[in-house]
């Protein structure tokens, strides 16, 4: 999904299917990935907004 004419962030470096699911669900809900950043032990997806309470509950239930 592009935003304001920007190309979407390439999610291919995200190897975890569980994390990909969270990102994709957040994007489906209207959020967007701003960038992916490598931290010391993890690849972090920076989102435009935090996850909603509903999304957090869905992740926790899963």
N, C-alpha and C. Protein backbone atom coordinates (compact mmCIF):
# COMPACT_ATOMS: atom_id res chain seq x y z
N UNK A 1 0.85 -1.17 0.00
CA UNK A 1 0.00 0.00 0.00
C UNK A 1 0.90 1.24 0.00
N UNK A 2 0.73 2.08 -0.97
CA UNK A 2 1.51 3.32 -0.99
C UNK A 2 0.77 4.39 -0.20
N UNK A 3 1.51 5.37 0.23
CA UNK A 3 0.95 6.44 1.05
C UNK A 3 1.50 7.75 0.54
N UNK A 4 0.62 8.62 0.16
CA UNK A 4 1.02 9.93 -0.36
C UNK A 4 2.07 9.82 -1.46
N UNK A 5 1.88 8.85 -2.32
CA UNK A 5 2.78 8.69 -3.45
C UNK A 5 4.08 8.00 -3.13
N UNK A 6 4.30 7.65 -1.86
CA UNK A 6 5.53 6.96 -1.48
C UNK A 6 5.39 5.46 -1.74
N UNK A 7 6.47 4.84 -2.16
CA UNK A 7 6.46 3.40 -2.35
C UNK A 7 6.36 2.73 -0.97
N UNK A 8 5.65 1.59 -0.89
CA UNK A 8 5.57 0.90 0.39
C UNK A 8 6.95 0.35 0.80
N UNK A 9 7.14 0.19 2.09
CA UNK A 9 8.38 -0.37 2.61
C UNK A 9 8.44 -1.84 2.25
N UNK A 10 9.58 -2.30 1.77
CA UNK A 10 9.80 -3.70 1.41
C UNK A 10 9.88 -4.53 2.68
N UNK A 11 8.94 -5.45 2.86
CA UNK A 11 8.90 -6.27 4.06
C UNK A 11 9.64 -7.61 3.89
N UNK A 12 10.28 -7.82 2.76
CA UNK A 12 10.95 -9.10 2.54
C UNK A 12 12.03 -9.43 3.57
N UNK A 13 12.70 -8.44 4.20
CA UNK A 13 13.67 -8.80 5.23
C UNK A 13 13.06 -9.36 6.51
N UNK A 14 11.74 -9.21 6.70
CA UNK A 14 11.08 -9.70 7.91
C UNK A 14 10.88 -11.21 7.74
N UNK A 15 11.66 -11.99 8.47
CA UNK A 15 11.64 -13.44 8.32
C UNK A 15 10.59 -14.14 9.17
N UNK A 16 10.13 -13.51 10.24
CA UNK A 16 9.16 -14.14 11.13
C UNK A 16 7.76 -14.02 10.56
N UNK A 17 7.11 -15.17 10.37
CA UNK A 17 5.74 -15.14 9.86
C UNK A 17 4.79 -14.48 10.85
N UNK A 18 5.05 -14.64 12.15
CA UNK A 18 4.20 -14.02 13.16
C UNK A 18 4.31 -12.50 13.10
N UNK A 19 5.51 -11.99 12.95
CA UNK A 19 5.71 -10.54 12.86
C UNK A 19 5.13 -10.00 11.56
N UNK A 20 5.32 -10.74 10.47
CA UNK A 20 4.73 -10.31 9.19
C UNK A 20 3.21 -10.20 9.33
N UNK A 21 2.61 -11.16 10.03
CA UNK A 21 1.16 -11.15 10.23
C UNK A 21 0.74 -9.88 10.96
N UNK A 22 1.45 -9.53 12.04
CA UNK A 22 1.12 -8.33 12.81
C UNK A 22 1.23 -7.10 11.92
N UNK A 23 2.32 -6.98 11.18
CA UNK A 23 2.52 -5.83 10.30
C UNK A 23 1.40 -5.75 9.27
N UNK A 24 1.12 -6.88 8.61
CA UNK A 24 0.11 -6.88 7.56
C UNK A 24 -1.28 -6.53 8.11
N UNK A 25 -1.62 -7.05 9.31
CA UNK A 25 -2.91 -6.72 9.92
C UNK A 25 -2.97 -5.23 10.26
N UNK A 26 -1.89 -4.68 10.78
CA UNK A 26 -1.87 -3.25 11.12
C UNK A 26 -2.05 -2.41 9.85
N UNK A 27 -1.40 -2.80 8.78
CA UNK A 27 -1.52 -2.07 7.51
C UNK A 27 -2.95 -2.18 6.98
N UNK A 28 -3.54 -3.38 7.07
CA UNK A 28 -4.94 -3.55 6.65
C UNK A 28 -5.87 -2.64 7.44
N UNK A 29 -5.50 -2.35 8.69
CA UNK A 29 -6.31 -1.49 9.54
C UNK A 29 -6.05 -0.01 9.35
N UNK A 30 -5.21 0.34 8.39
CA UNK A 30 -4.98 1.74 8.07
C UNK A 30 -3.67 2.32 8.57
N UNK A 31 -2.88 1.52 9.27
CA UNK A 31 -1.56 1.98 9.72
C UNK A 31 -0.58 1.81 8.55
N UNK A 32 0.62 2.29 8.69
CA UNK A 32 1.61 2.07 7.63
C UNK A 32 2.99 1.93 8.25
N UNK A 33 3.81 1.16 7.56
CA UNK A 33 5.20 0.99 7.97
C UNK A 33 5.99 2.18 7.45
N UNK A 34 6.65 2.88 8.35
CA UNK A 34 7.47 4.03 7.97
C UNK A 34 8.86 3.56 7.56
N UNK A 35 9.42 2.61 8.32
CA UNK A 35 10.74 2.08 8.00
C UNK A 35 10.98 0.79 8.74
N UNK A 36 11.97 0.05 8.27
CA UNK A 36 12.49 -1.11 8.99
C UNK A 36 13.89 -0.73 9.45
N UNK A 37 14.22 -1.04 10.69
CA UNK A 37 15.53 -0.68 11.23
C UNK A 37 16.12 -1.88 11.96
N UNK A 38 17.38 -2.15 11.70
CA UNK A 38 18.07 -3.24 12.40
C UNK A 38 18.55 -2.72 13.75
N UNK A 39 18.08 -3.34 14.81
CA UNK A 39 18.57 -3.05 16.16
C UNK A 39 19.52 -4.16 16.53
N UNK A 40 20.05 -4.13 17.71
CA UNK A 40 21.09 -5.09 18.09
C UNK A 40 20.67 -6.54 17.90
N UNK A 41 19.45 -6.89 18.27
CA UNK A 41 19.03 -8.29 18.17
C UNK A 41 17.78 -8.51 17.35
N UNK A 42 17.26 -7.47 16.74
CA UNK A 42 15.99 -7.62 16.03
C UNK A 42 15.85 -6.59 14.92
N UNK A 43 15.03 -6.93 13.95
CA UNK A 43 14.62 -5.99 12.91
C UNK A 43 13.32 -5.38 13.39
N UNK A 44 13.26 -4.07 13.49
CA UNK A 44 12.11 -3.38 14.05
C UNK A 44 11.33 -2.66 12.95
N UNK A 45 10.02 -2.88 12.95
CA UNK A 45 9.14 -2.17 12.01
C UNK A 45 8.61 -0.93 12.72
N UNK A 46 8.99 0.24 12.22
CA UNK A 46 8.48 1.50 12.76
C UNK A 46 7.20 1.83 12.01
N UNK A 47 6.11 1.95 12.78
CA UNK A 47 4.80 2.22 12.20
C UNK A 47 4.47 3.70 12.38
N UNK A 48 3.59 4.19 11.53
CA UNK A 48 3.16 5.59 11.64
C UNK A 48 2.48 5.84 12.98
N UNK A 49 1.64 4.90 13.40
CA UNK A 49 0.95 5.01 14.69
C UNK A 49 1.20 3.71 15.45
N UNK A 50 1.02 3.77 16.75
CA UNK A 50 1.12 2.55 17.54
C UNK A 50 -0.01 1.60 17.22
N UNK A 51 0.09 0.37 17.69
CA UNK A 51 -0.98 -0.59 17.48
C UNK A 51 -2.18 -0.19 18.34
N UNK A 52 -3.36 -0.37 17.79
CA UNK A 52 -4.57 -0.07 18.54
C UNK A 52 -4.75 -1.10 19.66
N UNK A 53 -5.58 -0.77 20.62
CA UNK A 53 -5.88 -1.71 21.71
C UNK A 53 -6.49 -3.00 21.15
N UNK A 54 -7.33 -2.86 20.14
CA UNK A 54 -7.94 -4.03 19.52
C UNK A 54 -6.89 -4.91 18.85
N UNK A 55 -5.94 -4.28 18.17
CA UNK A 55 -4.88 -5.03 17.50
C UNK A 55 -3.99 -5.73 18.53
N UNK A 56 -3.67 -5.03 19.61
CA UNK A 56 -2.85 -5.65 20.68
C UNK A 56 -3.57 -6.86 21.26
N UNK A 57 -4.88 -6.74 21.48
CA UNK A 57 -5.66 -7.87 22.01
C UNK A 57 -5.66 -9.04 21.03
N UNK A 58 -5.80 -8.75 19.74
CA UNK A 58 -5.79 -9.79 18.72
C UNK A 58 -4.44 -10.50 18.68
N UNK A 59 -3.36 -9.74 18.79
CA UNK A 59 -2.01 -10.32 18.81
C UNK A 59 -1.85 -11.20 20.05
N UNK A 60 -2.26 -10.69 21.19
CA UNK A 60 -2.12 -11.44 22.43
C UNK A 60 -2.93 -12.75 22.39
N UNK A 61 -4.13 -12.68 21.82
CA UNK A 61 -4.98 -13.87 21.72
C UNK A 61 -4.39 -14.92 20.77
N UNK A 62 -3.69 -14.44 19.77
CA UNK A 62 -3.09 -15.35 18.79
C UNK A 62 -1.88 -16.02 19.38
